[in-house]
Amino acid sequence: MADDLDIVVTLRVHAGQEAEAEALLREMEAATVAHDAGCLRYEWYRAETPQTYVLLERWTDPAAVRAHLQAPHMAASFERMKSMLPGPFTPLVLAKL
């Protein structure tokens, strides 16, 4: 359990693309939970702030996170997501202190 990683992602999309973004985020969640080994939690939520979404993740270890970020379903999702975002999307992984 000492290697578990908790990750929080905040994502903002362009106005008018919320429905498209939410559909993609649901697809990402389903594919991750079904296929990515080491995933203990992967849940998207709509924030109170308009056009903003929050992802709560928990992984068994850093290797599982790296494999997830390189998975084909994630590469395809990142590509689809590009046009929905006001800036570049760069996944960030934080380790426990």
PDB file of N, CA and C in Angstrom:
ATOM      1  N   MET A   1       0.800  -1.198   0.000  1.00  0.00           N
ATOM      2  CA  MET A   1       0.000   0.000   0.000  1.00  0.00           C
ATOM      3  C   MET A   1       0.845   1.266   0.000  1.00  0.00           C
ATOM      4  N   ALA A   2       2.095   1.178   0.390  1.00  0.00           N
ATOM      5  CA  ALA A   2       2.946   2.370   0.487  1.00  0.00           C
ATOM      6  C   ALA A   2       3.177   3.025  -0.864  1.00  0.00           C
ATOM      7  N   ASP A   3       3.087   2.268  -1.933  1.00  0.00           N
ATOM      8  CA  ASP A   3       3.314   2.822  -3.262  1.00  0.00           C
ATOM      9  C   ASP A   3       2.050   3.379  -3.911  1.00  0.00           C
ATOM     10  N   ASP A   4       0.878   3.212  -3.270  1.00  0.00           N
ATOM     11  CA  ASP A   4      -0.370   3.727  -3.843  1.00  0.00           C
ATOM     12  C   ASP A   4      -0.218   5.205  -4.177  1.00  0.00           C
ATOM     13  N   LEU A   5      -0.811   5.597  -5.299  1.00  0.00           N
ATOM     14  CA  LEU A   5      -0.799   6.998  -5.718  1.00  0.00           C
ATOM     15  C   LEU A   5      -2.227   7.502  -5.832  1.00  0.00           C
ATOM     16  N   ASP A   6      -2.497   8.641  -5.231  1.00  0.00           N
ATOM     17  CA  ASP A   6      -3.755   9.340  -5.405  1.00  0.00           C
ATOM     18  C   ASP A   6      -3.490  10.520  -6.317  1.00  0.00           C
ATOM     19  N   ILE A   7      -4.325  10.687  -7.320  1.00  0.00           N
ATOM     20  CA  ILE A   7      -4.145  11.746  -8.307  1.00  0.00           C
ATOM     21  C   ILE A   7      -5.463  12.494  -8.451  1.00  0.00           C
ATOM     22  N   VAL A   8      -5.373  13.821  -8.497  1.00  0.00           N
ATOM     23  CA  VAL A   8      -6.538  14.672  -8.745  1.00  0.00           C
ATOM     24  C   VAL A   8      -6.240  15.487  -9.991  1.00  0.00           C
ATOM     25  N   VAL A   9      -7.136  15.414 -10.962  1.00  0.00           N
ATOM     26  CA  VAL A   9      -6.982  16.145 -12.216  1.00  0.00           C
ATOM     27  C   VAL A   9      -8.146  17.118 -12.343  1.00  0.00           C
ATOM     28  N   THR A  10      -7.854  18.359 -12.698  1.00  0.00           N
ATOM     29  CA  THR A  10      -8.898  19.337 -13.003  1.00  0.00           C
ATOM     30  C   THR A  10      -8.792  19.660 -14.482  1.00  0.00           C
ATOM     31  N   LEU A  11      -9.924  19.609 -15.164  1.00  0.00           N
ATOM     32  CA  LEU A  11      -9.952  19.806 -16.607  1.00  0.00           C
ATOM     33  C   LEU A  11     -11.031  20.828 -16.943  1.00  0.00           C
ATOM     34  N   ARG A  12     -10.690  21.794 -17.759  1.00  0.00           N
ATOM     35  CA  ARG A  12     -11.661  22.802 -18.199  1.00  0.00           C
ATOM     36  C   ARG A  12     -11.801  22.683 -19.714  1.00  0.00           C
ATOM     37  N   VAL A  13     -13.039  22.750 -20.196  1.00  0.00           N
ATOM     38  CA  VAL A  13     -13.314  22.636 -21.630  1.00  0.00           C
ATOM     39  C   VAL A  13     -13.940  23.930 -22.148  1.00  0.00           C
ATOM     40  N   HIS A  14     -13.923  24.093 -23.461  1.00  0.00           N
ATOM     41  CA  HIS A  14     -14.553  25.258 -24.083  1.00  0.00           C
ATOM     42  C   HIS A  14     -16.064  25.234 -23.839  1.00  0.00           C
ATOM     43  N   ALA A  15     -16.645  26.406 -23.697  1.00  0.00           N
ATOM     44  CA  ALA A  15     -18.100  26.522 -23.578  1.00  0.00           C
ATOM     45  C   ALA A  15     -18.750  25.901 -24.804  1.00  0.00           C
ATOM     46  N   GLY A  16     -19.827  25.196 -24.577  1.00  0.00           N
ATOM     47  CA  GLY A  16     -20.543  24.556 -25.675  1.00  0.00           C
ATOM     48  C   GLY A  16     -20.060  23.152 -25.980  1.00  0.00           C
ATOM     49  N   GLN A  17     -18.985  22.728 -25.346  1.00  0.00           N
ATOM     50  CA  GLN A  17     -18.464  21.372 -25.601  1.00  0.00           C
ATOM     51  C   GLN A  17     -18.620  20.452 -24.394  1.00  0.00           C
ATOM     52  N   GLU A  18     -19.442  20.862 -23.457  1.00  0.00           N
ATOM     53  CA  GLU A  18     -19.620  20.069 -22.240  1.00  0.00           C
ATOM     54  C   GLU A  18     -20.186  18.682 -22.535  1.00  0.00           C
ATOM     55  N   ALA A  19     -21.205  18.592 -23.359  1.00  0.00           N
ATOM     56  CA  ALA A  19     -21.821  17.284 -23.639  1.00  0.00           C
ATOM     57  C   ALA A  19     -20.817  16.349 -24.303  1.00  0.00           C
ATOM     58  N   GLU A  20     -20.067  16.859 -25.262  1.00  0.00           N
ATOM     59  CA  GLU A  20     -19.051  16.055 -25.942  1.00  0.00           C
ATOM     60  C   GLU A  20     -17.962  15.629 -24.958  1.00  0.00           C
ATOM     61  N   ALA A  21     -17.546  16.549 -24.112  1.00  0.00           N
ATOM     62  CA  ALA A  21     -16.509  16.243 -23.123  1.00  0.00           C
ATOM     63  C   ALA A  21     -17.006  15.194 -22.135  1.00  0.00           C
ATOM     64  N   GLU A  22     -18.228  15.340 -21.658  1.00  0.00           N
ATOM     65  CA  GLU A  22     -18.764  14.388 -20.694  1.00  0.00           C
ATOM     66  C   GLU A  22     -18.881  12.990 -21.288  1.00  0.00           C
ATOM     67  N   ALA A  23     -19.261  12.901 -22.544  1.00  0.00           N
ATOM     68  CA  ALA A  23     -19.326  11.586 -23.200  1.00  0.00           C
ATOM     69  C   ALA A  23     -17.934  10.953 -23.275  1.00  0.00           C
ATOM     70  N   LEU A  24     -16.945  11.744 -23.643  1.00  0.00           N
ATOM     71  CA  LEU A  24     -15.570  11.243 -23.728  1.00  0.00           C
ATOM     72  C   LEU A  24     -15.054  10.835 -22.349  1.00  0.00           C
ATOM     73  N   LEU A  25     -15.326  11.633 -21.327  1.00  0.00           N
ATOM     74  CA  LEU A  25     -14.864  11.309 -19.978  1.00  0.00           C
ATOM     75  C   LEU A  25     -15.502  10.021 -19.472  1.00  0.00           C
ATOM     76  N   ARG A  26     -16.773   9.791 -19.795  1.00  0.00           N
ATOM     77  CA  ARG A  26     -17.419   8.524 -19.414  1.00  0.00           C
ATOM     78  C   ARG A  26     -16.755   7.348 -20.125  1.00  0.00           C
ATOM     79  N   GLU A  27     -16.414   7.527 -21.402  1.00  0.00           N
ATOM     80  CA  GLU A  27     -15.717   6.476 -22.148  1.00  0.00           C
ATOM     81  C   GLU A  27     -14.346   6.182 -21.529  1.00  0.00           C
ATOM     82  N   MET A  28     -13.610   7.245 -21.188  1.00  0.00           N
ATOM     83  CA  MET A  28     -12.294   7.077 -20.569  1.00  0.00           C
ATOM     84  C   MET A  28     -12.408   6.317 -19.253  1.00  0.00           C
ATOM     85  N   GLU A  29     -13.405   6.689 -18.461  1.00  0.00           N
ATOM     86  CA  GLU A  29     -13.601   6.034 -17.169  1.00  0.00           C
ATOM     87  C   GLU A  29     -13.896   4.545 -17.357  1.00  0.00           C
ATOM     88  N   ALA A  30     -14.820   4.224 -18.242  1.00  0.00           N
ATOM     89  CA  ALA A  30     -15.186   2.822 -18.464  1.00  0.00           C
ATOM     90  C   ALA A  30     -14.000   2.004 -18.975  1.00  0.00           C
ATOM     91  N   ALA A  31     -13.260   2.542 -19.939  1.00  0.00           N
ATOM     92  CA  ALA A  31     -12.116   1.813 -20.499  1.00  0.00           C
ATOM     93  C   ALA A  31     -11.015   1.629 -19.464  1.00  0.00           C
ATOM     94  N   THR A  32     -10.773   2.646 -18.667  1.00  0.00           N
ATOM     95  CA  THR A  32      -9.721   2.564 -17.650  1.00  0.00           C
ATOM     96  C   THR A  32     -10.060   1.520 -16.604  1.00  0.00           C
ATOM     97  N   VAL A  33     -11.266   1.573 -16.082  1.00  0.00           N
ATOM     98  CA  VAL A  33     -11.678   0.624 -15.046  1.00  0.00           C
ATOM     99  C   VAL A  33     -11.669  -0.809 -15.590  1.00  0.00           C
ATOM    100  N   ALA A  34     -12.076  -0.979 -16.837  1.00  0.00           N
ATOM    101  CA  ALA A  34     -12.155  -2.318 -17.421  1.00  0.00           C
ATOM    102  C   ALA A  34     -10.802  -2.902 -17.813  1.00  0.00           C
ATOM    103  N   HIS A  35      -9.855  -2.056 -18.223  1.00  0.00           N
ATOM    104  CA  HIS A  35      -8.649  -2.588 -18.859  1.00  0.00           C
ATOM    105  C   HIS A  35      -7.320  -2.273 -18.190  1.00  0.00           C
ATOM    106  N   ASP A  36      -7.253  -1.271 -17.333  1.00  0.00           N
ATOM    107  CA  ASP A  36      -5.955  -0.840 -16.812  1.00  0.00           C
ATOM    108  C   ASP A  36      -5.647  -1.475 -15.459  1.00  0.00           C
ATOM    109  N   ALA A  37      -4.687  -2.384 -15.479  1.00  0.00           N
ATOM    110  CA  ALA A  37      -4.269  -3.061 -14.255  1.00  0.00           C
ATOM    111  C   ALA A  37      -3.734  -2.039 -13.262  1.00  0.00           C
ATOM    112  N   GLY A  38      -4.023  -2.247 -12.000  1.00  0.00           N
ATOM    113  CA  GLY A  38      -3.521  -1.359 -10.963  1.00  0.00           C
ATOM    114  C   GLY A  38      -4.418  -0.175 -10.673  1.00  0.00           C
ATOM    115  N   CYS A  39      -5.533  -0.062 -11.369  1.00  0.00           N
ATOM    116  CA  CYS A  39      -6.467   1.042 -11.133  1.00  0.00           C
ATOM    117  C   CYS A  39      -7.383   0.674  -9.970  1.00  0.00           C
ATOM    118  N   LEU A  40      -7.308   1.450  -8.906  1.00  0.00           N
ATOM    119  CA  LEU A  40      -8.152   1.241  -7.737  1.00  0.00           C
ATOM    120  C   LEU A  40      -9.345   2.201  -7.717  1.00  0.00           C
ATOM    121  N   ARG A  41      -9.195   3.343  -8.390  1.00  0.00           N
ATOM    122  CA  ARG A  41     -10.275   4.332  -8.478  1.00  0.00           C
ATOM    123  C   ARG A  41     -10.017   5.213  -9.696  1.00  0.00           C
ATOM    124  N   TYR A  42     -11.078   5.515 -10.446  1.00  0.00           N
ATOM    125  CA  TYR A  42     -10.985   6.407 -11.600  1.00  0.00           C
ATOM    126  C   TYR A  42     -12.382   6.947 -11.840  1.00  0.00           C
ATOM    127  N   GLU A  43     -12.666   8.134 -11.291  1.00  0.00           N
ATOM    128  CA  GLU A  43     -14.012   8.683 -11.336  1.00  0.00           C
ATOM    129  C   GLU A  43     -13.987  10.161 -11.715  1.00  0.00           C
ATOM    130  N   TRP A  44     -14.744  10.513 -12.773  1.00  0.00           N
ATOM    131  CA  TRP A  44     -14.888  11.907 -13.203  1.00  0.00           C
ATOM    132  C   TRP A  44     -16.116  12.515 -12.555  1.00  0.00           C
ATOM    133  N   TYR A  45     -16.001  13.794 -12.181  1.00  0.00           N
ATOM    134  CA  TYR A  45     -17.101  14.544 -11.596  1.00  0.00           C
ATOM    135  C   TYR A  45     -17.201  15.903 -12.278  1.00  0.00           C
ATOM    136  N   ARG A  46     -18.431  16.417 -12.385  1.00  0.00           N
ATOM    137  CA  ARG A  46     -18.650  17.772 -12.891  1.00  0.00           C
ATOM    138  C   ARG A  46     -18.516  18.721 -11.696  1.00  0.00           C
ATOM    139  N   ALA A  47     -17.663  19.713 -11.820  1.00  0.00           N
ATOM    140  CA  ALA A  47     -17.464  20.690 -10.748  1.00  0.00           C
ATOM    141  C   ALA A  47     -18.570  21.745 -10.792  1.00  0.00           C
ATOM    142  N   GLU A  48     -18.709  22.510  -9.725  1.00  0.00           N
ATOM    143  CA  GLU A  48     -19.676  23.610  -9.707  1.00  0.00           C
ATOM    144  C   GLU A  48     -19.265  24.720 -10.664  1.00  0.00           C
ATOM    145  N   THR A  49     -17.972  24.869 -10.888  1.00  0.00           N
ATOM    146  CA  THR A  49     -17.466  25.864 -11.831  1.00  0.00           C
ATOM    147  C   THR A  49     -17.832  25.419 -13.249  1.00  0.00           C
ATOM    148  N   PRO A  50     -18.466  26.280 -14.035  1.00  0.00           N
ATOM    149  CA  PRO A  50     -18.860  25.900 -15.395  1.00  0.00           C
ATOM    150  C   PRO A  50     -17.684  25.379 -16.224  1.00  0.00           C
ATOM    151  N   GLN A  51     -17.982  24.376 -17.049  1.00  0.00           N
ATOM    152  CA  GLN A  51     -17.018  23.816 -18.002  1.00  0.00           C
ATOM    153  C   GLN A  51     -15.832  23.123 -17.328  1.00  0.00           C
ATOM    154  N   THR A  52     -15.966  22.761 -16.057  1.00  0.00           N
ATOM    155  CA  THR A  52     -14.851  22.208 -15.306  1.00  0.00           C
ATOM    156  C   THR A  52     -15.197  20.826 -14.768  1.00  0.00           C
ATOM    157  N   TYR A  53     -14.233  19.921 -14.879  1.00  0.00           N
ATOM    158  CA  TYR A  53     -14.394  18.537 -14.443  1.00  0.00           C
ATOM    159  C   TYR A  53     -13.214  18.151 -13.567  1.00  0.00           C
ATOM    160  N   VAL A  54     -13.479  17.249 -12.631  1.00  0.00           N
ATOM    161  CA  VAL A  54     -12.447  16.791 -11.699  1.00  0.00           C
ATOM    162  C   VAL A  54     -12.394  15.272 -11.758  1.00  0.00           C
ATOM    163  N   LEU A  55     -11.181  14.752 -11.833  1.00  0.00           N
ATOM    164  CA  LEU A  55     -10.948  13.310 -11.854  1.00  0.00           C
ATOM    165  C   LEU A  55     -10.238  12.912 -10.572  1.00  0.00           C
ATOM    166  N   LEU A  56     -10.765  11.896  -9.896  1.00  0.00           N
ATOM    167  CA  LEU A  56     -10.116  11.325  -8.722  1.00  0.00           C
ATOM    168  C   LEU A  56      -9.613   9.936  -9.103  1.00  0.00           C
ATOM    169  N   GLU A  57      -8.319   9.739  -8.942  1.00  0.00           N
ATOM    170  CA  GLU A  57      -7.697   8.467  -9.308  1.00  0.00           C
ATOM    171  C   GLU A  57      -6.937   7.891  -8.121  1.00  0.00           C
ATOM    172  N   ARG A  58      -6.852   6.569  -8.090  1.00  0.00           N
ATOM    173  CA  ARG A  58      -5.969   5.871  -7.158  1.00  0.00           C
ATOM    174  C   ARG A  58      -5.391   4.674  -7.904  1.00  0.00           C
ATOM    175  N   TRP A  59      -4.074   4.549  -7.791  1.00  0.00           N
ATOM    176  CA  TRP A  59      -3.330   3.498  -8.488  1.00  0.00           C
ATOM    177  C   TRP A  59      -2.473   2.727  -7.499  1.00  0.00           C
ATOM    178  N   THR A  60      -2.202   1.478  -7.827  1.00  0.00           N
ATOM    179  CA  THR A  60      -1.410   0.631  -6.933  1.00  0.00           C
ATOM    180  C   THR A  60       0.043   1.056  -6.865  1.00  0.00           C
ATOM    181  N   ASP A  61       0.567   1.611  -7.972  1.00  0.00           N
ATOM    182  CA  ASP A  61       1.975   2.009  -7.997  1.00  0.00           C
ATOM    183  C   ASP A  61       2.251   2.886  -9.215  1.00  0.00           C
ATOM    184  N   PRO A  62       3.402   3.539  -9.234  1.00  0.00           N
ATOM    185  CA  PRO A  62       3.732   4.427 -10.360  1.00  0.00           C
ATOM    186  C   PRO A  62       3.767   3.707 -11.714  1.00  0.00           C
ATOM    187  N   ALA A  63       4.168   2.459 -11.740  1.00  0.00           N
ATOM    188  CA  ALA A  63       4.214   1.721 -13.013  1.00  0.00           C
ATOM    189  C   ALA A  63       2.820   1.581 -13.617  1.00  0.00           C
ATOM    190  N   ALA A  64       1.808   1.393 -12.777  1.00  0.00           N
ATOM    191  CA  ALA A  64       0.429   1.287 -13.271  1.00  0.00           C
ATOM    192  C   ALA A  64      -0.023   2.601 -13.897  1.00  0.00           C
ATOM    193  N   VAL A  65       0.379   3.719 -13.304  1.00  0.00           N
ATOM    194  CA  VAL A  65       0.027   5.036 -13.861  1.00  0.00           C
ATOM    195  C   VAL A  65       0.697   5.231 -15.208  1.00  0.00           C
ATOM    196  N   ARG A  66       1.976   4.892 -15.290  1.00  0.00           N
ATOM    197  CA  ARG A  66       2.689   5.033 -16.567  1.00  0.00           C
ATOM    198  C   ARG A  66       2.043   4.179 -17.651  1.00  0.00           C
ATOM    199  N   ALA A  67       1.699   2.942 -17.321  1.00  0.00           N
ATOM    200  CA  ALA A  67       1.054   2.065 -18.300  1.00  0.00           C
ATOM    201  C   ALA A  67      -0.295   2.637 -18.728  1.00  0.00           C
ATOM    202  N   HIS A  68      -1.049   3.171 -17.800  1.00  0.00           N
ATOM    203  CA  HIS A  68      -2.347   3.778 -18.103  1.00  0.00           C
ATOM    204  C   HIS A  68      -2.190   4.948 -19.076  1.00  0.00           C
ATOM    205  N   LEU A  69      -1.235   5.825 -18.809  1.00  0.00           N
ATOM    206  CA  LEU A  69      -1.038   6.996 -19.666  1.00  0.00           C
ATOM    207  C   LEU A  69      -0.578   6.620 -21.069  1.00  0.00           C
ATOM    208  N   GLN A  70       0.018   5.440 -21.226  1.00  0.00           N
ATOM    209  CA  GLN A  70       0.498   4.984 -22.534  1.00  0.00           C
ATOM    210  C   GLN A  70      -0.475   4.025 -23.218  1.00  0.00           C
ATOM    211  N   ALA A  71      -1.572   3.695 -22.548  1.00  0.00           N
ATOM    212  CA  ALA A  71      -2.544   2.751 -23.108  1.00  0.00           C
ATOM    213  C   ALA A  71      -3.172   3.329 -24.378  1.00  0.00           C
ATOM    214  N   PRO A  72      -3.473   2.470 -25.345  1.00  0.00           N
ATOM    215  CA  PRO A  72      -4.076   2.946 -26.592  1.00  0.00           C
ATOM    216  C   PRO A  72      -5.361   3.740 -26.390  1.00  0.00           C
ATOM    217  N   HIS A  73      -6.205   3.322 -25.462  1.00  0.00           N
ATOM    218  CA  HIS A  73      -7.461   4.059 -25.251  1.00  0.00           C
ATOM    219  C   HIS A  73      -7.199   5.467 -24.716  1.00  0.00           C
ATOM    220  N   MET A  74      -6.118   5.649 -23.959  1.00  0.00           N
ATOM    221  CA  MET A  74      -5.806   6.986 -23.461  1.00  0.00           C
ATOM    222  C   MET A  74      -5.218   7.865 -24.563  1.00  0.00           C
ATOM    223  N   ALA A  75      -4.352   7.300 -25.383  1.00  0.00           N
ATOM    224  CA  ALA A  75      -3.796   8.069 -26.503  1.00  0.00           C
ATOM    225  C   ALA A  75      -4.924   8.556 -27.414  1.00  0.00           C
ATOM    226  N   ALA A  76      -5.881   7.689 -27.692  1.00  0.00           N
ATOM    227  CA  ALA A  76      -7.011   8.074 -28.541  1.00  0.00           C
ATOM    228  C   ALA A  76      -7.861   9.145 -27.855  1.00  0.00           C
ATOM    229  N   SER A  77      -8.055   9.017 -26.556  1.00  0.00           N
ATOM    230  CA  SER A  77      -8.849  10.004 -25.807  1.00  0.00           C
ATOM    231  C   SER A  77      -8.160  11.364 -25.771  1.00  0.00           C
ATOM    232  N   PHE A  78      -6.844  11.371 -25.529  1.00  0.00           N
ATOM    233  CA  PHE A  78      -6.106  12.634 -25.512  1.00  0.00           C
ATOM    234  C   PHE A  78      -6.204  13.333 -26.857  1.00  0.00           C
ATOM    235  N   GLU A  79      -6.140  12.569 -27.936  1.00  0.00           N
ATOM    236  CA  GLU A  79      -6.231  13.149 -29.279  1.00  0.00           C
ATOM    237  C   GLU A  79      -7.610  13.780 -29.496  1.00  0.00           C
ATOM    238  N   ARG A  80      -8.660  13.083 -29.104  1.00  0.00           N
ATOM    239  CA  ARG A  80     -10.027  13.605 -29.248  1.00  0.00           C
ATOM    240  C   ARG A  80     -10.258  14.828 -28.360  1.00  0.00           C
ATOM    241  N   MET A  81      -9.603  14.860 -27.216  1.00  0.00           N
ATOM    242  CA  MET A  81      -9.810  15.912 -26.236  1.00  0.00           C
ATOM    243  C   MET A  81      -9.166  17.241 -26.642  1.00  0.00           C
ATOM    244  N   LYS A  82      -8.121  17.202 -27.448  1.00  0.00           N
ATOM    245  CA  LYS A  82      -7.355  18.411 -27.784  1.00  0.00           C
ATOM    246  C   LYS A  82      -8.219  19.589 -28.204  1.00  0.00           C
ATOM    247  N   SER A  83      -9.178  19.358 -29.072  1.00  0.00           N
ATOM    248  CA  SER A  83      -9.983  20.460 -29.596  1.00  0.00           C
ATOM    249  C   SER A  83     -10.969  21.011 -28.569  1.00  0.00           C
ATOM    250  N   MET A  84     -11.196  20.300 -27.483  1.00  0.00           N
ATOM    251  CA  MET A  84     -12.141  20.735 -26.456  1.00  0.00           C
ATOM    252  C   MET A  84     -11.501  21.639 -25.400  1.00  0.00           C
ATOM    253  N   LEU A  85     -10.179  21.681 -25.372  1.00  0.00           N
ATOM    254  CA  LEU A  85      -9.463  22.366 -24.295  1.00  0.00           C
ATOM    255  C   LEU A  85      -8.942  23.729 -24.724  1.00  0.00           C
ATOM    256  N   PRO A  86      -8.986  24.699 -23.818  1.00  0.00           N
ATOM    257  CA  PRO A  86      -8.458  26.023 -24.145  1.00  0.00           C
ATOM    258  C   PRO A  86      -6.935  26.067 -24.193  1.00  0.00           C
ATOM    259  N   GLY A  87      -6.263  25.069 -23.674  1.00  0.00           N
ATOM    260  CA  GLY A  87      -4.793  25.009 -23.682  1.00  0.00           C
ATOM    261  C   GLY A  87      -4.346  23.569 -23.771  1.00  0.00           C
ATOM    262  N   PRO A  88      -3.054  23.336 -23.745  1.00  0.00           N
ATOM    263  CA  PRO A  88      -2.558  21.961 -23.853  1.00  0.00           C
ATOM    264  C   PRO A  88      -2.899  21.148 -22.614  1.00  0.00           C
ATOM    265  N   PHE A  89      -3.106  19.863 -22.811  1.00  0.00           N
ATOM    266  CA  PHE A  89      -3.367  18.948 -21.702  1.00  0.00           C
ATOM    267  C   PHE A  89      -2.109  18.142 -21.461  1.00  0.00           C
ATOM    268  N   THR A  90      -1.556  18.309 -20.293  1.00  0.00           N
ATOM    269  CA  THR A  90      -0.352  17.574 -19.924  1.00  0.00           C
ATOM    270  C   THR A  90      -0.633  16.838 -18.627  1.00  0.00           C
ATOM    271  N   PRO A  91      -0.782  15.508 -18.670  1.00  0.00           N
ATOM    272  CA  PRO A  91      -1.021  14.772 -17.432  1.00  0.00           C
ATOM    273  C   PRO A  91       0.129  14.960 -16.457  1.00  0.00           C
ATOM    274  N   LEU A  92      -0.200  15.128 -15.208  1.00  0.00           N
ATOM    275  CA  LEU A  92       0.789  15.344 -14.161  1.00  0.00           C
ATOM    276  C   LEU A  92       0.561  14.301 -13.082  1.00  0.00           C
ATOM    277  N   VAL A  93       1.614  13.615 -12.679  1.00  0.00           N
ATOM    278  CA  VAL A  93       1.515  12.616 -11.631  1.00  0.00           C
ATOM    279  C   VAL A  93       2.287  13.098 -10.418  1.00  0.00           C
ATOM    280  N   LEU A  94       1.656  13.087  -9.272  1.00  0.00           N
ATOM    281  CA  LEU A  94       2.292  13.524  -8.044  1.00  0.00           C
ATOM    282  C   LEU A  94       2.506  12.336  -7.125  1.00  0.00           C
ATOM    283  N   ALA A  95       3.674  12.241  -6.536  1.00  0.00           N
ATOM    284  CA  ALA A  95       3.979  11.166  -5.598  1.00  0.00           C
ATOM    285  C   ALA A  95       3.705  11.633  -4.177  1.00  0.00           C
ATOM    286  N   LYS A  96       3.411  10.675  -3.295  1.00  0.00           N
ATOM    287  CA  LYS A  96       3.212  10.983  -1.883  1.00  0.00           C
ATOM    288  C   LYS A  96       4.508  11.471  -1.268  1.00  0.00           C
ATOM    289  N   LEU A  97       4.403  12.297  -0.257  1.00  0.00           N
ATOM    290  CA  LEU A  97       5.570  12.766   0.493  1.00  0.00           C
ATOM    291  C   LEU A  97       6.078  11.691   1.419  1.00  0.00           C
TER     292      LEU A  97
END
